[in-house]
């Protein structure tokens, strides 16, 4: 006979604490293989964005029902390569600063973000992020689907590396 969990136990199962979130430098390992300046860590809280196996690759995060959420930590001088998603992507800067570059056709737009600034990018908008600040940049990233597709890179070599990863 199984004993039902108390309300407090059920709510405790809904909590993910920073101290228990491990920096995962392997999530974007195929990017780093191409260029060491693409290196960044991810701490998953909700969902398994960027994963090929959403059901089994939560890495301790909560299952997603509406969106995914992670924290990315990017060392000074590093960047996230040009890509887009099939869903809205939101970046909220927890600490540090960065430059988000977006493209619409041949036009580009640079958006400077600092601590507690946010940008919401529409689906299929190509963008990249540069940590051109003096220290680490910590970015809360949300994707507006519980199981988004993997990023679509502008660089064909990154698409090949991503496909080879599985």
N, C-alpha and C. Protein backbone atom coordinates (compact mmCIF):
# COMPACT_ATOMS: atom_id res chain seq x y z
N UNK A 1 0.84 -1.17 0.00
CA UNK A 1 0.00 0.00 0.00
C UNK A 1 0.90 1.25 0.00
N UNK A 2 0.64 2.17 -0.94
CA UNK A 2 1.43 3.40 -1.01
C UNK A 2 0.77 4.49 -0.17
N UNK A 3 1.62 5.22 0.50
CA UNK A 3 1.13 6.30 1.34
C UNK A 3 1.13 7.58 0.52
N UNK A 4 0.03 8.32 0.59
CA UNK A 4 -0.05 9.58 -0.13
C UNK A 4 0.85 10.61 0.51
N UNK A 5 1.41 11.47 -0.35
CA UNK A 5 2.25 12.54 0.16
C UNK A 5 1.39 13.64 0.78
N UNK A 6 1.93 14.29 1.78
CA UNK A 6 1.24 15.44 2.37
C UNK A 6 1.34 16.62 1.42
N UNK A 7 0.53 17.62 1.64
CA UNK A 7 0.58 18.83 0.85
C UNK A 7 1.98 19.44 0.91
N UNK A 8 2.57 19.50 2.09
CA UNK A 8 3.91 20.06 2.26
C UNK A 8 4.94 19.26 1.46
N UNK A 9 4.84 17.93 1.45
CA UNK A 9 5.77 17.10 0.68
C UNK A 9 5.60 17.34 -0.82
N UNK A 10 4.33 17.46 -1.27
CA UNK A 10 4.07 17.72 -2.69
C UNK A 10 4.65 19.07 -3.10
N UNK A 11 4.49 20.07 -2.25
CA UNK A 11 5.03 21.40 -2.57
C UNK A 11 6.55 21.38 -2.54
N UNK A 12 7.13 20.64 -1.62
CA UNK A 12 8.59 20.53 -1.56
C UNK A 12 9.14 19.91 -2.85
N UNK A 13 8.38 19.01 -3.46
CA UNK A 13 8.79 18.40 -4.73
C UNK A 13 8.75 19.40 -5.88
N UNK A 14 8.12 20.54 -5.68
CA UNK A 14 8.01 21.57 -6.71
C UNK A 14 9.13 22.61 -6.60
N UNK A 15 10.03 22.46 -5.67
CA UNK A 15 11.09 23.44 -5.42
C UNK A 15 12.41 22.95 -6.02
N UNK A 16 13.12 23.86 -6.68
CA UNK A 16 14.47 23.60 -7.14
C UNK A 16 15.34 24.74 -6.61
N UNK A 17 16.38 24.40 -5.88
CA UNK A 17 17.22 25.41 -5.24
C UNK A 17 18.54 25.58 -5.98
N UNK A 18 19.01 26.83 -6.00
CA UNK A 18 20.26 27.15 -6.68
C UNK A 18 21.40 26.25 -6.21
N UNK A 19 21.50 26.02 -4.91
CA UNK A 19 22.60 25.22 -4.36
C UNK A 19 22.60 23.79 -4.91
N UNK A 20 21.45 23.32 -5.37
CA UNK A 20 21.35 21.97 -5.92
C UNK A 20 21.47 21.92 -7.44
N UNK A 21 21.44 23.06 -8.08
CA UNK A 21 21.57 23.13 -9.54
C UNK A 21 23.05 23.14 -9.86
N UNK A 22 23.51 22.21 -10.60
CA UNK A 22 24.92 22.11 -10.97
C UNK A 22 25.14 22.78 -12.32
N UNK A 23 26.24 23.50 -12.45
CA UNK A 23 26.60 24.07 -13.73
C UNK A 23 26.89 22.93 -14.70
N UNK A 24 26.17 22.91 -15.81
CA UNK A 24 26.37 21.88 -16.83
C UNK A 24 27.03 22.54 -18.04
N UNK A 25 28.33 22.30 -18.19
CA UNK A 25 29.09 22.87 -19.30
C UNK A 25 29.00 21.98 -20.54
N UNK A 26 28.33 20.82 -20.46
CA UNK A 26 28.28 19.90 -21.59
C UNK A 26 27.09 20.15 -22.51
N UNK A 27 26.06 20.86 -22.04
CA UNK A 27 24.86 21.07 -22.85
C UNK A 27 25.19 21.67 -24.20
N UNK A 28 26.10 22.62 -24.22
CA UNK A 28 26.49 23.28 -25.47
C UNK A 28 27.90 22.87 -25.88
N UNK A 29 28.29 21.66 -25.49
CA UNK A 29 29.64 21.16 -25.77
C UNK A 29 29.98 21.12 -27.24
N UNK A 30 29.01 20.80 -28.09
CA UNK A 30 29.29 20.74 -29.52
C UNK A 30 29.60 22.14 -30.07
N UNK A 31 28.98 23.18 -29.48
CA UNK A 31 29.30 24.55 -29.88
C UNK A 31 30.74 24.88 -29.47
N UNK A 32 31.08 24.51 -28.22
CA UNK A 32 32.41 24.79 -27.69
C UNK A 32 33.48 24.07 -28.49
N UNK A 33 33.12 22.88 -29.02
CA UNK A 33 34.06 22.13 -29.85
C UNK A 33 34.44 22.93 -31.09
N UNK A 34 33.50 23.68 -31.63
CA UNK A 34 33.78 24.51 -32.81
C UNK A 34 34.55 25.77 -32.42
N UNK A 35 34.17 26.40 -31.30
CA UNK A 35 34.79 27.65 -30.88
C UNK A 35 34.72 27.75 -29.36
N UNK A 36 35.87 27.80 -28.71
CA UNK A 36 35.90 27.82 -27.24
C UNK A 36 35.18 29.04 -26.67
N UNK A 37 34.99 30.09 -27.47
CA UNK A 37 34.26 31.29 -27.00
C UNK A 37 32.75 31.06 -26.93
N UNK A 38 32.27 29.90 -27.40
CA UNK A 38 30.85 29.56 -27.27
C UNK A 38 30.56 28.87 -25.93
N UNK A 39 31.58 28.62 -25.13
CA UNK A 39 31.39 27.90 -23.86
C UNK A 39 30.52 28.70 -22.90
N UNK A 40 29.57 27.98 -22.30
CA UNK A 40 28.72 28.55 -21.26
C UNK A 40 28.10 27.40 -20.50
N UNK A 41 27.72 27.68 -19.28
CA UNK A 41 27.10 26.67 -18.43
C UNK A 41 25.60 26.91 -18.37
N UNK A 42 24.86 25.83 -18.12
CA UNK A 42 23.42 25.93 -17.96
C UNK A 42 23.02 25.24 -16.66
N UNK A 43 22.10 25.86 -15.96
CA UNK A 43 21.44 25.25 -14.79
C UNK A 43 19.96 25.15 -15.15
N UNK A 44 19.47 23.93 -15.22
CA UNK A 44 18.07 23.74 -15.60
C UNK A 44 17.19 23.82 -14.36
N UNK A 45 16.06 24.47 -14.53
CA UNK A 45 15.06 24.55 -13.47
C UNK A 45 13.74 23.93 -13.92
N UNK A 46 13.31 24.26 -15.14
CA UNK A 46 12.06 23.72 -15.67
C UNK A 46 12.30 23.25 -17.09
N UNK A 47 11.95 22.00 -17.38
CA UNK A 47 12.03 21.47 -18.72
C UNK A 47 13.42 21.04 -19.12
N UNK A 48 13.55 20.72 -20.40
CA UNK A 48 14.81 20.21 -20.94
C UNK A 48 15.08 20.87 -22.27
N UNK A 49 15.03 22.19 -22.31
CA UNK A 49 15.23 22.89 -23.58
C UNK A 49 16.59 22.59 -24.16
N UNK A 50 16.63 22.47 -25.47
CA UNK A 50 17.87 22.16 -26.17
C UNK A 50 18.20 20.68 -26.19
N UNK A 51 17.41 19.87 -25.53
CA UNK A 51 17.68 18.44 -25.42
C UNK A 51 17.03 17.68 -26.56
N UNK A 52 17.59 16.51 -26.85
CA UNK A 52 16.96 15.62 -27.82
C UNK A 52 16.00 14.66 -27.14
N UNK A 53 16.07 14.56 -25.82
CA UNK A 53 15.26 13.60 -25.06
C UNK A 53 14.59 14.33 -23.89
N UNK A 54 13.51 15.05 -24.18
CA UNK A 54 12.84 15.86 -23.16
C UNK A 54 12.38 15.03 -21.97
N UNK A 55 11.89 13.83 -22.21
CA UNK A 55 11.33 13.02 -21.13
C UNK A 55 12.38 12.57 -20.13
N UNK A 56 13.58 12.26 -20.60
CA UNK A 56 14.60 11.70 -19.72
C UNK A 56 15.74 12.65 -19.40
N UNK A 57 15.73 13.86 -19.95
CA UNK A 57 16.87 14.75 -19.78
C UNK A 57 16.51 16.02 -19.03
N UNK A 58 15.82 15.89 -17.92
CA UNK A 58 15.49 17.06 -17.12
C UNK A 58 16.68 17.53 -16.29
N UNK A 59 17.67 16.65 -16.08
CA UNK A 59 18.84 16.97 -15.27
C UNK A 59 18.43 17.62 -13.96
N UNK A 60 17.41 17.06 -13.34
CA UNK A 60 16.97 17.54 -12.04
C UNK A 60 15.98 18.68 -12.09
N UNK A 61 15.64 19.14 -13.29
CA UNK A 61 14.65 20.22 -13.40
C UNK A 61 13.24 19.67 -13.27
N UNK A 62 12.31 20.57 -13.03
CA UNK A 62 10.91 20.19 -12.97
C UNK A 62 10.39 19.89 -14.37
N UNK A 63 9.45 18.96 -14.51
CA UNK A 63 8.84 18.74 -15.82
C UNK A 63 8.13 20.02 -16.28
N UNK A 64 8.22 20.30 -17.55
CA UNK A 64 7.62 21.51 -18.10
C UNK A 64 6.18 21.25 -18.51
N UNK A 65 5.29 22.20 -18.22
CA UNK A 65 3.91 22.11 -18.69
C UNK A 65 3.54 23.30 -19.57
N UNK A 66 4.27 24.41 -19.47
CA UNK A 66 3.94 25.59 -20.25
C UNK A 66 5.16 26.24 -20.90
N UNK A 67 6.33 26.15 -20.28
CA UNK A 67 7.53 26.79 -20.80
C UNK A 67 8.75 26.11 -20.19
N UNK A 68 9.94 26.44 -20.71
CA UNK A 68 11.18 25.95 -20.12
C UNK A 68 11.91 27.14 -19.49
N UNK A 69 12.73 26.86 -18.49
CA UNK A 69 13.50 27.92 -17.85
C UNK A 69 14.83 27.38 -17.37
N UNK A 70 15.88 28.10 -17.71
CA UNK A 70 17.22 27.74 -17.24
C UNK A 70 17.99 29.03 -16.99
N UNK A 71 19.12 28.86 -16.31
CA UNK A 71 20.06 29.96 -16.10
C UNK A 71 21.33 29.61 -16.87
N UNK A 72 21.78 30.53 -17.70
CA UNK A 72 23.04 30.34 -18.41
C UNK A 72 24.07 31.30 -17.83
N UNK A 73 25.26 30.78 -17.60
CA UNK A 73 26.37 31.60 -17.10
C UNK A 73 27.43 31.63 -18.19
N UNK A 74 27.75 32.84 -18.63
CA UNK A 74 28.67 33.01 -19.75
C UNK A 74 29.87 33.85 -19.31
N UNK A 75 31.07 33.31 -19.41
CA UNK A 75 32.27 34.08 -19.05
C UNK A 75 32.45 35.31 -19.95
N UNK A 76 33.14 36.30 -19.41
CA UNK A 76 33.45 37.51 -20.19
C UNK A 76 34.17 37.11 -21.47
N UNK A 77 33.80 37.76 -22.57
CA UNK A 77 34.42 37.48 -23.86
C UNK A 77 33.76 36.37 -24.65
N UNK A 78 32.86 35.61 -24.04
CA UNK A 78 32.19 34.52 -24.74
C UNK A 78 30.88 34.99 -25.37
N UNK A 79 30.31 34.11 -26.20
CA UNK A 79 29.07 34.48 -26.88
C UNK A 79 28.24 33.25 -27.21
N UNK A 80 26.99 33.48 -27.48
CA UNK A 80 26.07 32.45 -27.97
C UNK A 80 25.95 32.65 -29.48
N UNK A 81 26.20 31.62 -30.27
CA UNK A 81 26.21 31.80 -31.73
C UNK A 81 24.82 32.11 -32.30
N UNK A 82 24.80 32.61 -33.53
CA UNK A 82 23.57 32.98 -34.22
C UNK A 82 22.64 31.77 -34.35
N UNK A 83 21.41 31.94 -33.88
CA UNK A 83 20.40 30.88 -33.96
C UNK A 83 19.01 31.50 -33.83
N UNK A 84 18.00 30.66 -34.00
CA UNK A 84 16.62 31.07 -33.75
C UNK A 84 15.87 29.87 -33.20
N UNK A 85 14.68 30.13 -32.70
CA UNK A 85 13.79 29.10 -32.17
C UNK A 85 12.41 29.23 -32.82
N UNK A 86 11.66 28.17 -32.77
CA UNK A 86 10.30 28.19 -33.33
C UNK A 86 9.30 28.82 -32.37
N UNK A 87 9.80 29.29 -31.23
CA UNK A 87 8.94 29.86 -30.20
C UNK A 87 9.59 31.13 -29.65
N UNK A 88 8.81 31.92 -28.95
CA UNK A 88 9.36 33.11 -28.29
C UNK A 88 10.44 32.70 -27.31
N UNK A 89 11.50 33.51 -27.24
CA UNK A 89 12.57 33.29 -26.27
C UNK A 89 12.78 34.58 -25.50
N UNK A 90 12.86 34.46 -24.19
CA UNK A 90 13.01 35.61 -23.32
C UNK A 90 14.33 35.49 -22.57
N UNK A 91 15.09 36.58 -22.56
CA UNK A 91 16.32 36.67 -21.78
C UNK A 91 16.14 37.73 -20.70
N UNK A 92 16.40 37.35 -19.46
CA UNK A 92 16.36 38.26 -18.32
C UNK A 92 17.74 38.22 -17.68
N UNK A 93 18.39 39.37 -17.60
CA UNK A 93 19.76 39.42 -17.09
C UNK A 93 19.72 39.49 -15.56
N UNK A 94 20.25 38.45 -14.94
CA UNK A 94 20.31 38.40 -13.48
C UNK A 94 21.50 39.19 -12.95
N UNK A 95 22.63 39.11 -13.67
CA UNK A 95 23.84 39.81 -13.26
C UNK A 95 24.75 39.93 -14.47
N UNK A 96 25.50 41.01 -14.52
CA UNK A 96 26.40 41.25 -15.64
C UNK A 96 25.74 42.07 -16.72
N UNK A 97 26.32 42.01 -17.90
CA UNK A 97 25.77 42.74 -19.04
C UNK A 97 26.12 42.00 -20.32
N UNK A 98 25.36 42.29 -21.35
CA UNK A 98 25.61 41.64 -22.64
C UNK A 98 25.01 42.47 -23.76
N UNK A 99 25.35 42.06 -24.96
CA UNK A 99 24.80 42.67 -26.16
C UNK A 99 24.06 41.58 -26.93
N UNK A 100 22.79 41.82 -27.23
CA UNK A 100 21.99 40.91 -28.03
C UNK A 100 21.88 41.52 -29.43
N UNK A 101 22.31 40.77 -30.43
CA UNK A 101 22.23 41.24 -31.81
C UNK A 101 21.17 40.40 -32.52
N UNK A 102 20.22 41.09 -33.16
CA UNK A 102 19.11 40.44 -33.85
C UNK A 102 19.12 40.84 -35.32
N UNK A 103 18.57 39.95 -36.16
CA UNK A 103 18.47 40.22 -37.59
C UNK A 103 17.05 40.04 -38.07
N UNK A 104 16.66 40.94 -38.97
CA UNK A 104 15.42 40.80 -39.74
C UNK A 104 15.82 41.03 -41.19
N UNK A 105 15.94 39.94 -41.93
CA UNK A 105 16.47 40.04 -43.29
C UNK A 105 17.90 40.52 -43.24
N UNK A 106 18.19 41.60 -43.93
CA UNK A 106 19.55 42.18 -43.95
C UNK A 106 19.77 43.20 -42.84
N UNK A 107 18.69 43.58 -42.15
CA UNK A 107 18.81 44.58 -41.09
C UNK A 107 19.22 43.92 -39.77
N UNK A 108 20.07 44.60 -39.02
CA UNK A 108 20.43 44.11 -37.69
C UNK A 108 20.15 45.20 -36.66
N UNK A 109 20.00 44.75 -35.43
CA UNK A 109 19.71 45.65 -34.32
C UNK A 109 20.47 45.15 -33.10
N UNK A 110 21.21 46.03 -32.44
CA UNK A 110 21.93 45.69 -31.22
C UNK A 110 21.15 46.19 -30.01
N UNK A 111 21.00 45.31 -29.03
CA UNK A 111 20.27 45.64 -27.81
C UNK A 111 21.22 45.41 -26.63
N UNK A 112 21.54 46.46 -25.91
CA UNK A 112 22.41 46.36 -24.75
C UNK A 112 21.54 46.07 -23.52
N UNK A 113 21.90 44.99 -22.79
CA UNK A 113 21.16 44.62 -21.59
C UNK A 113 22.09 44.58 -20.40
N UNK A 114 21.60 45.03 -19.26
CA UNK A 114 22.31 44.96 -17.99
C UNK A 114 21.45 44.28 -16.95
N UNK A 115 21.93 44.29 -15.74
CA UNK A 115 21.23 43.61 -14.63
C UNK A 115 19.77 44.03 -14.56
N UNK A 116 18.92 43.02 -14.51
CA UNK A 116 17.46 43.13 -14.39
C UNK A 116 16.78 43.65 -15.66
N UNK A 117 17.50 43.69 -16.79
CA UNK A 117 16.89 44.04 -18.07
C UNK A 117 16.39 42.77 -18.74
N UNK A 118 15.42 42.93 -19.63
CA UNK A 118 14.78 41.79 -20.29
C UNK A 118 14.55 42.13 -21.75
N UNK A 119 14.67 41.10 -22.61
CA UNK A 119 14.24 41.22 -23.99
C UNK A 119 13.44 39.96 -24.32
N UNK A 120 12.32 40.15 -25.03
CA UNK A 120 11.49 39.04 -25.51
C UNK A 120 11.61 39.00 -27.03
N UNK A 121 12.16 37.90 -27.54
CA UNK A 121 12.40 37.76 -28.98
C UNK A 121 11.30 36.92 -29.61
N UNK A 122 10.73 37.39 -30.71
CA UNK A 122 9.67 36.62 -31.36
C UNK A 122 10.21 35.34 -32.01
N UNK A 123 9.32 34.40 -32.30
CA UNK A 123 9.76 33.16 -32.96
C UNK A 123 10.49 33.45 -34.27
N UNK A 124 11.48 32.59 -34.58
CA UNK A 124 12.22 32.59 -35.83
C UNK A 124 13.08 33.83 -36.07
N UNK A 125 13.32 34.62 -35.03
CA UNK A 125 14.20 35.78 -35.16
C UNK A 125 15.64 35.34 -34.88
N UNK A 126 16.52 35.45 -35.88
CA UNK A 126 17.93 35.12 -35.67
C UNK A 126 18.54 36.10 -34.69
N UNK A 127 19.34 35.55 -33.76
CA UNK A 127 19.97 36.40 -32.75
C UNK A 127 21.23 35.71 -32.22
N UNK A 128 22.09 36.51 -31.61
CA UNK A 128 23.25 36.01 -30.90
C UNK A 128 23.47 36.92 -29.70
N UNK A 129 24.22 36.42 -28.72
CA UNK A 129 24.48 37.20 -27.51
C UNK A 129 25.97 37.24 -27.27
N UNK A 130 26.48 38.42 -26.99
CA UNK A 130 27.89 38.64 -26.67
C UNK A 130 28.02 39.08 -25.22
N UNK A 131 28.86 38.41 -24.46
CA UNK A 131 29.20 38.92 -23.13
C UNK A 131 30.44 39.79 -23.33
N UNK A 132 30.20 41.07 -23.58
CA UNK A 132 31.30 42.01 -23.77
C UNK A 132 31.57 42.81 -22.51
N UNK A 133 31.01 42.34 -21.38
CA UNK A 133 31.24 43.00 -20.10
C UNK A 133 32.54 42.52 -19.46
N UNK A 134 32.80 43.06 -18.28
CA UNK A 134 34.05 42.76 -17.57
C UNK A 134 34.01 41.44 -16.81
N UNK A 135 32.81 40.94 -16.48
CA UNK A 135 32.70 39.71 -15.70
C UNK A 135 31.68 38.76 -16.30
N UNK A 136 31.39 37.70 -15.56
CA UNK A 136 30.40 36.72 -16.02
C UNK A 136 29.04 37.38 -16.20
N UNK A 137 28.27 36.86 -17.15
CA UNK A 137 26.90 37.30 -17.37
C UNK A 137 25.99 36.11 -17.06
N UNK A 138 25.00 36.32 -16.20
CA UNK A 138 24.07 35.27 -15.80
C UNK A 138 22.69 35.63 -16.38
N UNK A 139 22.20 34.75 -17.25
CA UNK A 139 21.00 35.03 -18.04
C UNK A 139 19.94 33.99 -17.73
N UNK A 140 18.78 34.45 -17.29
CA UNK A 140 17.62 33.56 -17.15
C UNK A 140 16.99 33.46 -18.54
N UNK A 141 16.84 32.24 -19.03
CA UNK A 141 16.34 32.01 -20.38
C UNK A 141 15.03 31.24 -20.30
N UNK A 142 14.00 31.76 -20.97
CA UNK A 142 12.71 31.08 -21.02
C UNK A 142 12.32 30.87 -22.47
N UNK A 143 11.85 29.67 -22.78
CA UNK A 143 11.29 29.36 -24.10
C UNK A 143 9.80 29.07 -23.90
N UNK A 144 8.97 29.61 -24.77
CA UNK A 144 7.52 29.61 -24.56
C UNK A 144 6.82 28.32 -24.99
N UNK A 145 7.50 27.19 -24.86
CA UNK A 145 6.90 25.88 -25.11
C UNK A 145 7.48 24.91 -24.10
N UNK A 146 6.71 23.91 -23.69
CA UNK A 146 7.26 22.94 -22.74
C UNK A 146 8.31 22.02 -23.37
N UNK A 147 8.25 21.78 -24.68
CA UNK A 147 9.22 20.93 -25.36
C UNK A 147 9.63 21.58 -26.69
N UNK A 148 10.40 22.67 -26.61
CA UNK A 148 10.80 23.34 -27.85
C UNK A 148 11.77 22.49 -28.66
N UNK A 149 11.79 22.77 -29.95
CA UNK A 149 12.78 22.13 -30.81
C UNK A 149 14.16 22.67 -30.47
N UNK A 150 15.18 21.98 -30.91
CA UNK A 150 16.54 22.44 -30.67
C UNK A 150 16.79 23.72 -31.48
N UNK A 151 17.76 24.55 -31.07
CA UNK A 151 18.03 25.79 -31.81
C UNK A 151 18.37 25.51 -33.27
N UNK A 152 17.97 26.42 -34.13
CA UNK A 152 18.32 26.36 -35.54
C UNK A 152 19.45 27.36 -35.77
N UNK A 153 20.67 26.84 -35.98
CA UNK A 153 21.85 27.69 -36.12
C UNK A 153 21.97 28.21 -37.54
N UNK A 154 22.53 29.41 -37.67
CA UNK A 154 22.82 29.97 -38.99
C UNK A 154 24.07 29.33 -39.58
N UNK A 155 24.95 28.85 -38.74
CA UNK A 155 26.21 28.22 -39.16
C UNK A 155 25.96 26.75 -39.50
N UNK A 156 26.15 26.35 -40.77
CA UNK A 156 25.92 24.96 -41.17
C UNK A 156 26.78 23.95 -40.38
N UNK A 157 28.01 24.35 -40.01
CA UNK A 157 28.87 23.44 -39.25
C UNK A 157 28.28 23.15 -37.87
N UNK A 158 27.69 24.17 -37.22
CA UNK A 158 27.04 23.94 -35.92
C UNK A 158 25.82 23.03 -36.07
N UNK A 159 25.08 23.17 -37.17
CA UNK A 159 23.95 22.28 -37.42
C UNK A 159 24.42 20.84 -37.56
N UNK A 160 25.55 20.64 -38.25
CA UNK A 160 26.12 19.28 -38.40
C UNK A 160 26.58 18.73 -37.05
N UNK A 161 27.27 19.55 -36.27
CA UNK A 161 27.73 19.11 -34.94
C UNK A 161 26.56 18.76 -34.03
N UNK A 162 25.50 19.58 -34.12
CA UNK A 162 24.30 19.31 -33.32
C UNK A 162 23.67 18.00 -33.73
N UNK A 163 23.56 17.75 -35.03
CA UNK A 163 22.97 16.50 -35.52
C UNK A 163 23.82 15.30 -35.11
N UNK A 164 25.13 15.43 -35.13
CA UNK A 164 26.02 14.34 -34.74
C UNK A 164 25.91 14.03 -33.25
N UNK A 165 25.55 15.05 -32.46
CA UNK A 165 25.39 14.85 -31.01
C UNK A 165 24.21 13.93 -30.72
N UNK A 166 23.26 13.92 -31.62
CA UNK A 166 22.09 13.04 -31.42
C UNK A 166 20.85 13.76 -31.07
